Amino acid sequence: MTTNGISIRVNHASPAPPYEQLRAQLADLISVGRLRQGERLPSVRQFASDLGLANNTVVRAYRELETAGLVKSRRGSGTQVVAPAATTDIKAKLAEHASSYAAAAKQLNATNEEVLAAIRHALASLDTP
């Protein structure tokens, strides 16, 4: 579904609930700048209708985004994107965590292959329900 220039897909066969699929896709669009500060998201009713979802599914996705500080909802004026954390902040935090992890792995005398395999395993385990 494409609305307001954004493309969102909900896979009803996915183990991830529809609200989480919607939340994740919108968060990604905000983080990469496809949805910019001040842009209005479609109304709950419009989005739900376009995606074939219940209104409460979209409400939950918007609420999760608001809790994460990515959007702000106001009754009567809709839901707008707010400035996301800078991408450089994310990269800096990732680098800090990676450095700590690498130091811990070095203390264990782990090889680079073992360290990378552990990261791949950890990432893969996040994708499984």
N, C-alpha and C. Protein backbone atom coordinates (compact mmCIF):
# COMPACT_ATOMS: atom_id res chain seq x y z
N MET A 1 0.84 -1.17 0.00
CA MET A 1 0.00 0.00 0.00
C MET A 1 0.89 1.23 0.00
N THR A 2 0.58 2.18 -0.83
CA THR A 2 1.31 3.43 -0.87
C THR A 2 0.35 4.56 -0.55
N THR A 3 0.73 5.37 0.43
CA THR A 3 -0.05 6.53 0.79
C THR A 3 0.89 7.66 1.18
N ASN A 4 0.58 8.86 0.78
CA ASN A 4 1.44 10.01 1.05
C ASN A 4 2.89 9.76 0.64
N GLY A 5 3.08 8.96 -0.42
CA GLY A 5 4.43 8.70 -0.90
C GLY A 5 5.19 7.65 -0.12
N ILE A 6 4.54 7.00 0.85
CA ILE A 6 5.22 5.95 1.61
C ILE A 6 4.58 4.61 1.28
N SER A 7 5.43 3.60 1.20
CA SER A 7 4.95 2.26 0.87
C SER A 7 5.04 1.38 2.11
N ILE A 8 3.92 0.81 2.51
CA ILE A 8 3.83 -0.05 3.68
C ILE A 8 3.19 -1.36 3.26
N ARG A 9 3.75 -2.45 3.73
CA ARG A 9 3.19 -3.77 3.44
C ARG A 9 2.99 -4.51 4.76
N VAL A 10 1.83 -5.12 4.92
CA VAL A 10 1.57 -5.96 6.09
C VAL A 10 1.38 -7.38 5.59
N ASN A 11 2.21 -8.28 6.10
CA ASN A 11 2.14 -9.68 5.74
C ASN A 11 1.34 -10.41 6.81
N HIS A 12 0.12 -10.79 6.48
CA HIS A 12 -0.75 -11.43 7.47
C HIS A 12 -0.28 -12.84 7.81
N ALA A 13 0.61 -13.42 7.02
CA ALA A 13 1.15 -14.75 7.31
C ALA A 13 2.38 -14.69 8.21
N SER A 14 2.88 -13.49 8.44
CA SER A 14 4.07 -13.31 9.27
C SER A 14 3.76 -13.59 10.74
N PRO A 15 4.75 -14.12 11.46
CA PRO A 15 4.53 -14.32 12.90
C PRO A 15 4.51 -12.99 13.67
N ALA A 16 5.06 -11.94 13.08
CA ALA A 16 5.04 -10.63 13.72
C ALA A 16 3.63 -10.05 13.59
N PRO A 17 3.08 -9.52 14.69
CA PRO A 17 1.74 -8.95 14.61
C PRO A 17 1.70 -7.74 13.67
N PRO A 18 0.54 -7.50 13.06
CA PRO A 18 0.44 -6.38 12.11
C PRO A 18 0.85 -5.03 12.70
N TYR A 19 0.50 -4.75 13.96
CA TYR A 19 0.89 -3.45 14.53
C TYR A 19 2.41 -3.32 14.58
N GLU A 20 3.11 -4.43 14.86
CA GLU A 20 4.57 -4.39 14.94
C GLU A 20 5.18 -4.21 13.56
N GLN A 21 4.60 -4.85 12.55
CA GLN A 21 5.08 -4.66 11.18
C GLN A 21 4.92 -3.21 10.77
N LEU A 22 3.78 -2.62 11.07
CA LEU A 22 3.52 -1.22 10.73
C LEU A 22 4.47 -0.31 11.49
N ARG A 23 4.63 -0.55 12.80
CA ARG A 23 5.52 0.26 13.62
C ARG A 23 6.95 0.22 13.09
N ALA A 24 7.44 -0.99 12.80
CA ALA A 24 8.82 -1.15 12.35
C ALA A 24 9.06 -0.45 11.01
N GLN A 25 8.12 -0.58 10.09
CA GLN A 25 8.29 0.06 8.78
C GLN A 25 8.26 1.58 8.89
N LEU A 26 7.36 2.10 9.70
CA LEU A 26 7.31 3.56 9.88
C LEU A 26 8.56 4.06 10.59
N ALA A 27 9.03 3.33 11.60
CA ALA A 27 10.26 3.73 12.30
C ALA A 27 11.44 3.74 11.34
N ASP A 28 11.51 2.75 10.46
CA ASP A 28 12.59 2.72 9.47
C ASP A 28 12.51 3.92 8.52
N LEU A 29 11.29 4.23 8.06
CA LEU A 29 11.12 5.37 7.16
C LEU A 29 11.51 6.68 7.83
N ILE A 30 11.22 6.79 9.11
CA ILE A 30 11.60 7.99 9.86
C ILE A 30 13.11 8.04 10.03
N SER A 31 13.72 6.91 10.39
CA SER A 31 15.16 6.90 10.66
C SER A 31 16.00 7.19 9.43
N VAL A 32 15.51 6.81 8.25
CA VAL A 32 16.29 7.08 7.03
C VAL A 32 15.90 8.41 6.38
N GLY A 33 14.96 9.11 6.98
CA GLY A 33 14.60 10.44 6.48
C GLY A 33 13.54 10.46 5.39
N ARG A 34 12.92 9.32 5.08
CA ARG A 34 11.85 9.31 4.09
C ARG A 34 10.60 9.99 4.64
N LEU A 35 10.43 9.92 5.96
CA LEU A 35 9.40 10.68 6.66
C LEU A 35 10.14 11.70 7.51
N ARG A 36 9.88 12.96 7.25
CA ARG A 36 10.64 14.03 7.91
C ARG A 36 9.85 14.70 9.02
N GLN A 37 10.60 15.41 9.85
CA GLN A 37 9.98 16.12 10.96
C GLN A 37 8.84 17.00 10.45
N GLY A 38 7.72 16.92 11.15
CA GLY A 38 6.57 17.73 10.81
C GLY A 38 5.60 17.09 9.83
N GLU A 39 6.04 16.05 9.13
CA GLU A 39 5.13 15.38 8.19
C GLU A 39 4.03 14.68 8.96
N ARG A 40 2.82 14.78 8.41
CA ARG A 40 1.68 14.11 9.03
C ARG A 40 1.54 12.70 8.48
N LEU A 41 1.29 11.78 9.39
CA LEU A 41 0.99 10.42 8.98
C LEU A 41 -0.49 10.34 8.62
N PRO A 42 -0.87 9.36 7.83
CA PRO A 42 -2.29 9.22 7.50
C PRO A 42 -3.12 9.05 8.77
N SER A 43 -4.37 9.43 8.69
CA SER A 43 -5.26 9.25 9.84
C SER A 43 -5.37 7.76 10.15
N VAL A 44 -5.71 7.46 11.39
CA VAL A 44 -5.87 6.07 11.80
C VAL A 44 -6.87 5.37 10.90
N ARG A 45 -8.01 6.00 10.68
CA ARG A 45 -9.05 5.37 9.86
C ARG A 45 -8.58 5.13 8.43
N GLN A 46 -7.90 6.13 7.86
CA GLN A 46 -7.42 6.01 6.47
C GLN A 46 -6.40 4.89 6.36
N PHE A 47 -5.42 4.87 7.26
CA PHE A 47 -4.37 3.85 7.23
C PHE A 47 -4.98 2.46 7.42
N ALA A 48 -5.87 2.34 8.39
CA ALA A 48 -6.50 1.04 8.65
C ALA A 48 -7.27 0.56 7.43
N SER A 49 -8.00 1.46 6.82
CA SER A 49 -8.78 1.11 5.63
C SER A 49 -7.86 0.70 4.47
N ASP A 50 -6.81 1.49 4.23
CA ASP A 50 -5.88 1.20 3.14
C ASP A 50 -5.17 -0.13 3.31
N LEU A 51 -4.85 -0.48 4.57
CA LEU A 51 -4.09 -1.70 4.83
C LEU A 51 -4.97 -2.90 5.17
N GLY A 52 -6.27 -2.67 5.30
CA GLY A 52 -7.17 -3.76 5.65
C GLY A 52 -6.99 -4.20 7.09
N LEU A 53 -6.74 -3.25 7.97
CA LEU A 53 -6.51 -3.53 9.38
C LEU A 53 -7.60 -2.91 10.24
N ALA A 54 -7.68 -3.35 11.47
CA ALA A 54 -8.58 -2.72 12.43
C ALA A 54 -7.97 -1.38 12.87
N ASN A 55 -8.83 -0.42 13.18
CA ASN A 55 -8.36 0.89 13.65
C ASN A 55 -7.41 0.74 14.84
N ASN A 56 -7.75 -0.15 15.77
CA ASN A 56 -6.93 -0.31 16.98
C ASN A 56 -5.52 -0.81 16.67
N THR A 57 -5.35 -1.50 15.56
CA THR A 57 -4.02 -1.96 15.16
C THR A 57 -3.14 -0.76 14.81
N VAL A 58 -3.70 0.17 14.06
CA VAL A 58 -2.95 1.38 13.70
C VAL A 58 -2.74 2.25 14.94
N VAL A 59 -3.75 2.34 15.79
CA VAL A 59 -3.61 3.12 17.03
C VAL A 59 -2.44 2.58 17.85
N ARG A 60 -2.34 1.27 17.96
CA ARG A 60 -1.25 0.68 18.75
C ARG A 60 0.11 0.98 18.12
N ALA A 61 0.21 0.87 16.81
CA ALA A 61 1.47 1.18 16.13
C ALA A 61 1.86 2.63 16.38
N TYR A 62 0.90 3.55 16.24
CA TYR A 62 1.17 4.97 16.47
C TYR A 62 1.58 5.20 17.93
N ARG A 63 0.91 4.52 18.86
CA ARG A 63 1.24 4.68 20.28
C ARG A 63 2.67 4.22 20.56
N GLU A 64 3.06 3.09 19.96
CA GLU A 64 4.42 2.58 20.13
C GLU A 64 5.45 3.57 19.56
N LEU A 65 5.13 4.15 18.42
CA LEU A 65 6.03 5.14 17.82
C LEU A 65 6.12 6.39 18.69
N GLU A 66 5.00 6.76 19.30
CA GLU A 66 5.01 7.94 20.18
C GLU A 66 5.84 7.66 21.43
N THR A 67 5.71 6.47 21.98
CA THR A 67 6.50 6.09 23.14
C THR A 67 7.99 6.12 22.82
N ALA A 68 8.34 5.76 21.59
CA ALA A 68 9.74 5.77 21.15
C ALA A 68 10.23 7.18 20.82
N GLY A 69 9.32 8.16 20.84
CA GLY A 69 9.71 9.54 20.56
C GLY A 69 9.84 9.86 19.09
N LEU A 70 9.22 9.03 18.23
CA LEU A 70 9.34 9.26 16.79
C LEU A 70 8.18 10.07 16.22
N VAL A 71 7.03 10.01 16.87
CA VAL A 71 5.87 10.77 16.41
C VAL A 71 5.19 11.41 17.61
N LYS A 72 4.35 12.38 17.32
CA LYS A 72 3.53 13.02 18.35
C LYS A 72 2.11 13.06 17.83
N SER A 73 1.19 12.54 18.63
CA SER A 73 -0.22 12.53 18.25
C SER A 73 -0.99 13.54 19.09
N ARG A 74 -1.85 14.28 18.40
CA ARG A 74 -2.72 15.23 19.09
C ARG A 74 -4.11 15.10 18.52
N ARG A 75 -5.05 14.95 19.40
CA ARG A 75 -6.44 14.81 18.98
C ARG A 75 -6.83 16.03 18.14
N GLY A 76 -7.37 15.77 16.98
CA GLY A 76 -7.80 16.85 16.12
C GLY A 76 -6.77 17.28 15.10
N SER A 77 -5.47 17.12 15.42
CA SER A 77 -4.45 17.51 14.44
C SER A 77 -3.65 16.33 13.91
N GLY A 78 -3.98 15.13 14.34
CA GLY A 78 -3.36 13.95 13.77
C GLY A 78 -2.02 13.60 14.39
N THR A 79 -1.29 12.79 13.66
CA THR A 79 0.00 12.28 14.12
C THR A 79 1.09 12.81 13.20
N GLN A 80 2.09 13.45 13.83
CA GLN A 80 3.19 14.05 13.06
C GLN A 80 4.51 13.46 13.49
N VAL A 81 5.43 13.39 12.53
CA VAL A 81 6.78 12.92 12.79
C VAL A 81 7.52 14.01 13.57
N VAL A 82 8.27 13.59 14.57
CA VAL A 82 9.15 14.50 15.30
C VAL A 82 10.58 14.13 14.95
N ALA A 83 11.51 15.02 15.24
CA ALA A 83 12.90 14.78 14.87
C ALA A 83 13.41 13.51 15.52
N PRO A 84 13.89 12.55 14.71
CA PRO A 84 14.45 11.33 15.29
C PRO A 84 15.86 11.59 15.83
N ALA A 85 16.33 10.67 16.65
CA ALA A 85 17.71 10.75 17.10
C ALA A 85 18.60 10.73 15.87
N ALA A 86 19.63 11.52 15.89
CA ALA A 86 20.53 11.60 14.73
C ALA A 86 21.14 10.24 14.43
N THR A 87 21.27 9.95 13.15
CA THR A 87 21.87 8.68 12.73
C THR A 87 23.28 8.56 13.28
N THR A 88 23.98 9.68 13.39
CA THR A 88 25.34 9.63 13.93
C THR A 88 25.32 9.18 15.38
N ASP A 89 24.28 9.53 16.14
CA ASP A 89 24.17 9.06 17.52
C ASP A 89 24.05 7.55 17.55
N ILE A 90 23.27 7.01 16.63
CA ILE A 90 23.09 5.57 16.56
C ILE A 90 24.42 4.90 16.21
N LYS A 91 25.11 5.45 15.23
CA LYS A 91 26.39 4.87 14.84
C LYS A 91 27.40 4.95 15.98
N ALA A 92 27.40 6.05 16.71
CA ALA A 92 28.32 6.20 17.83
C ALA A 92 28.01 5.18 18.93
N LYS A 93 26.73 4.98 19.22
CA LYS A 93 26.34 4.00 20.23
C LYS A 93 26.71 2.59 19.79
N LEU A 94 26.47 2.28 18.50
CA LEU A 94 26.85 0.96 18.00
C LEU A 94 28.36 0.75 18.09
N ALA A 95 29.13 1.76 17.75
CA ALA A 95 30.58 1.65 17.81
C ALA A 95 31.05 1.43 19.25
N GLU A 96 30.41 2.12 20.18
CA GLU A 96 30.76 1.97 21.60
C GLU A 96 30.48 0.54 22.08
N HIS A 97 29.30 0.02 21.73
CA HIS A 97 28.95 -1.34 22.12
C HIS A 97 29.86 -2.37 21.44
N ALA A 98 30.16 -2.13 20.17
CA ALA A 98 31.03 -3.04 19.43
C ALA A 98 32.43 -3.07 20.05
N SER A 99 32.91 -1.91 20.46
CA SER A 99 34.23 -1.83 21.08
C SER A 99 34.26 -2.62 22.39
N SER A 100 33.23 -2.47 23.19
CA SER A 100 33.14 -3.20 24.46
C SER A 100 33.09 -4.71 24.21
N TYR A 101 32.29 -5.09 23.22
CA TYR A 101 32.16 -6.51 22.88
C TYR A 101 33.50 -7.06 22.38
N ALA A 102 34.16 -6.31 21.52
CA ALA A 102 35.45 -6.76 20.97
C ALA A 102 36.48 -6.92 22.08
N ALA A 103 36.48 -6.01 23.04
CA ALA A 103 37.42 -6.10 24.16
C ALA A 103 37.14 -7.35 25.00
N ALA A 104 35.87 -7.63 25.25
CA ALA A 104 35.49 -8.82 26.01
C ALA A 104 35.88 -10.09 25.25
N ALA A 105 35.66 -10.08 23.93
CA ALA A 105 36.01 -11.24 23.12
C ALA A 105 37.51 -11.47 23.10
N LYS A 106 38.28 -10.38 23.09
CA LYS A 106 39.74 -10.50 23.10
C LYS A 106 40.22 -11.13 24.40
N GLN A 107 39.58 -10.76 25.51
CA GLN A 107 39.94 -11.34 26.80
C GLN A 107 39.67 -12.84 26.83
N LEU A 108 38.70 -13.29 26.03
CA LEU A 108 38.38 -14.72 25.95
C LEU A 108 39.25 -15.44 24.94
N ASN A 109 40.14 -14.70 24.27
CA ASN A 109 41.00 -15.25 23.22
C ASN A 109 40.18 -15.82 22.06
N ALA A 110 39.05 -15.22 21.77
CA ALA A 110 38.20 -15.67 20.66
C ALA A 110 38.79 -15.19 19.34
N THR A 111 38.62 -16.00 18.32
CA THR A 111 39.08 -15.60 16.98
C THR A 111 38.05 -14.64 16.38
N ASN A 112 38.45 -13.93 15.34
CA ASN A 112 37.52 -13.03 14.65
C ASN A 112 36.31 -13.79 14.14
N GLU A 113 36.55 -15.00 13.61
CA GLU A 113 35.45 -15.81 13.09
C GLU A 113 34.47 -16.17 14.20
N GLU A 114 34.98 -16.52 15.38
CA GLU A 114 34.11 -16.86 16.51
C GLU A 114 33.30 -15.65 16.97
N VAL A 115 33.95 -14.51 16.98
CA VAL A 115 33.27 -13.28 17.40
C VAL A 115 32.15 -12.93 16.42
N LEU A 116 32.44 -12.98 15.14
CA LEU A 116 31.43 -12.67 14.13
C LEU A 116 30.31 -13.71 14.13
N ALA A 117 30.66 -14.97 14.34
CA ALA A 117 29.63 -16.02 14.41
C ALA A 117 28.71 -15.77 15.60
N ALA A 118 29.26 -15.33 16.70
CA ALA A 118 28.43 -15.05 17.89
C ALA A 118 27.48 -13.89 17.61
N ILE A 119 27.95 -12.88 16.91
CA ILE A 119 27.07 -11.74 16.56
C ILE A 119 25.97 -12.21 15.62
N ARG A 120 26.34 -12.98 14.59
CA ARG A 120 25.33 -13.49 13.65
C ARG A 120 24.28 -14.32 14.37
N HIS A 121 24.73 -15.16 15.30
CA HIS A 121 23.80 -16.00 16.06
C HIS A 121 22.86 -15.12 16.90
N ALA A 122 23.43 -14.11 17.55
CA ALA A 122 22.61 -13.22 18.39
C ALA A 122 21.57 -12.48 17.54
N LEU A 123 21.97 -12.00 16.38
CA LEU A 123 21.04 -11.31 15.49
C LEU A 123 19.96 -12.26 14.98
N ALA A 124 20.34 -13.47 14.62
CA ALA A 124 19.39 -14.44 14.12
C ALA A 124 18.38 -14.83 15.20
N SER A 125 18.83 -14.91 16.44
CA SER A 125 17.93 -15.29 17.52
C SER A 125 16.90 -14.20 17.80
N LEU A 126 17.21 -12.96 17.45
CA LEU A 126 16.24 -11.87 17.61
C LEU A 126 15.12 -11.97 16.59
N ASP A 127 15.40 -12.59 15.45
CA ASP A 127 14.41 -12.71 14.38
C ASP A 127 13.45 -13.87 14.58
N THR A 128 13.78 -14.78 15.49
CA THR A 128 12.90 -15.93 15.72
C THR A 128 11.97 -15.66 16.89
N PRO A 129 10.70 -16.01 16.73
CA PRO A 129 9.74 -15.74 17.81
C PRO A 129 9.94 -16.61 19.01
